[in-house]
Amino acid sequence: MQVLFRRYIDLVNRYEIVPEANRAVFAGPQHATQDPAKRRESKINQFKMEKQIKGTLDVSHRPPV
């Protein structure tokens, strides 16, 4: 299962579904920030980015009409 996941991640990177500039958001934990307002803003931005990525993946998985 882990091998398939790694292949999937490689394909996501190869097709640049997640832009290079945004990959750092998913690189590690965001809890290191002590300021609650900044942490909340970071979580909101990450949620928006995840939603956009999911939308991109949904479009690419739809069968052609």
Protein backbone atom coordinates (compact mmCIF):
# COMPACT_ATOMS: atom_id res chain seq x y z
CA MET A 1 0.00 0.00 0.00
CA GLN A 2 2.82 2.38 0.86
CA VAL A 3 4.45 1.74 -2.52
CA LEU A 4 1.24 2.76 -4.31
CA PHE A 5 0.98 5.89 -2.21
CA ARG A 6 4.54 6.89 -3.06
CA ARG A 7 3.83 6.35 -6.76
CA TYR A 8 0.74 8.52 -6.45
CA ILE A 9 2.74 11.28 -4.75
CA ASP A 10 5.39 11.06 -7.49
CA LEU A 11 2.70 11.50 -10.14
CA VAL A 12 1.18 14.46 -8.30
CA ASN A 13 4.62 16.07 -8.20
CA ARG A 14 5.37 15.22 -11.83
CA TYR A 15 2.11 16.76 -13.08
CA GLU A 16 2.65 19.74 -10.75
CA ILE A 17 -0.86 19.55 -9.30
CA VAL A 18 0.53 21.25 -6.20
CA PRO A 19 2.63 24.24 -7.26
CA GLU A 20 6.25 24.22 -6.07
CA ALA A 21 5.72 27.35 -3.98
CA ASN A 22 2.85 25.72 -2.06
CA ARG A 23 4.53 22.40 -1.26
CA ALA A 24 6.16 23.79 1.88
CA VAL A 25 2.71 24.10 3.45
CA PHE A 26 2.39 20.31 3.43
CA ALA A 27 6.01 19.64 4.39
CA GLY A 28 5.59 19.63 8.15
CA PRO A 29 3.54 20.53 11.19
CA GLN A 30 2.24 24.07 11.48
CA HIS A 31 1.84 23.93 15.26
CA ALA A 32 5.30 25.47 15.80
CA THR A 33 3.78 28.94 15.45
CA GLN A 34 2.95 30.33 18.88
CA ASP A 35 0.62 33.08 17.70
CA PRO A 36 -2.94 31.66 17.58
CA ALA A 37 -4.07 34.16 14.93
CA LYS A 38 -1.22 33.20 12.59
CA ARG A 39 -1.84 29.51 13.23
CA ARG A 40 -5.55 29.93 12.43
CA GLU A 41 -4.75 31.88 9.25
CA SER A 42 -2.30 29.15 8.23
CA LYS A 43 -4.93 26.46 8.76
CA ILE A 44 -7.49 28.41 6.73
CA ASN A 45 -5.03 28.90 3.87
CA GLN A 46 -4.10 25.22 3.96
CA PHE A 47 -7.78 24.22 3.87
CA LYS A 48 -8.40 26.48 0.86
CA MET A 49 -5.40 25.01 -0.94
CA GLU A 50 -6.51 21.44 -0.17
CA LYS A 51 -9.98 22.25 -1.54
CA GLN A 52 -8.45 23.66 -4.73
CA ILE A 53 -6.22 20.59 -5.15
CA LYS A 54 -9.14 18.23 -4.60
CA GLY A 55 -11.10 20.12 -7.25
CA THR A 56 -8.20 19.77 -9.67
CA LEU A 57 -7.95 16.05 -8.98
CA ASP A 58 -11.72 15.58 -9.39
CA VAL A 59 -11.64 17.28 -12.79
CA SER A 60 -8.73 15.13 -13.95
CA HIS A 61 -10.50 11.91 -12.90
CA ARG A 62 -13.76 12.58 -14.71
CA PRO A 63 -14.36 10.47 -17.79
CA PRO A 64 -14.50 12.40 -21.07
CA VAL A 65 -17.98 13.37 -22.24
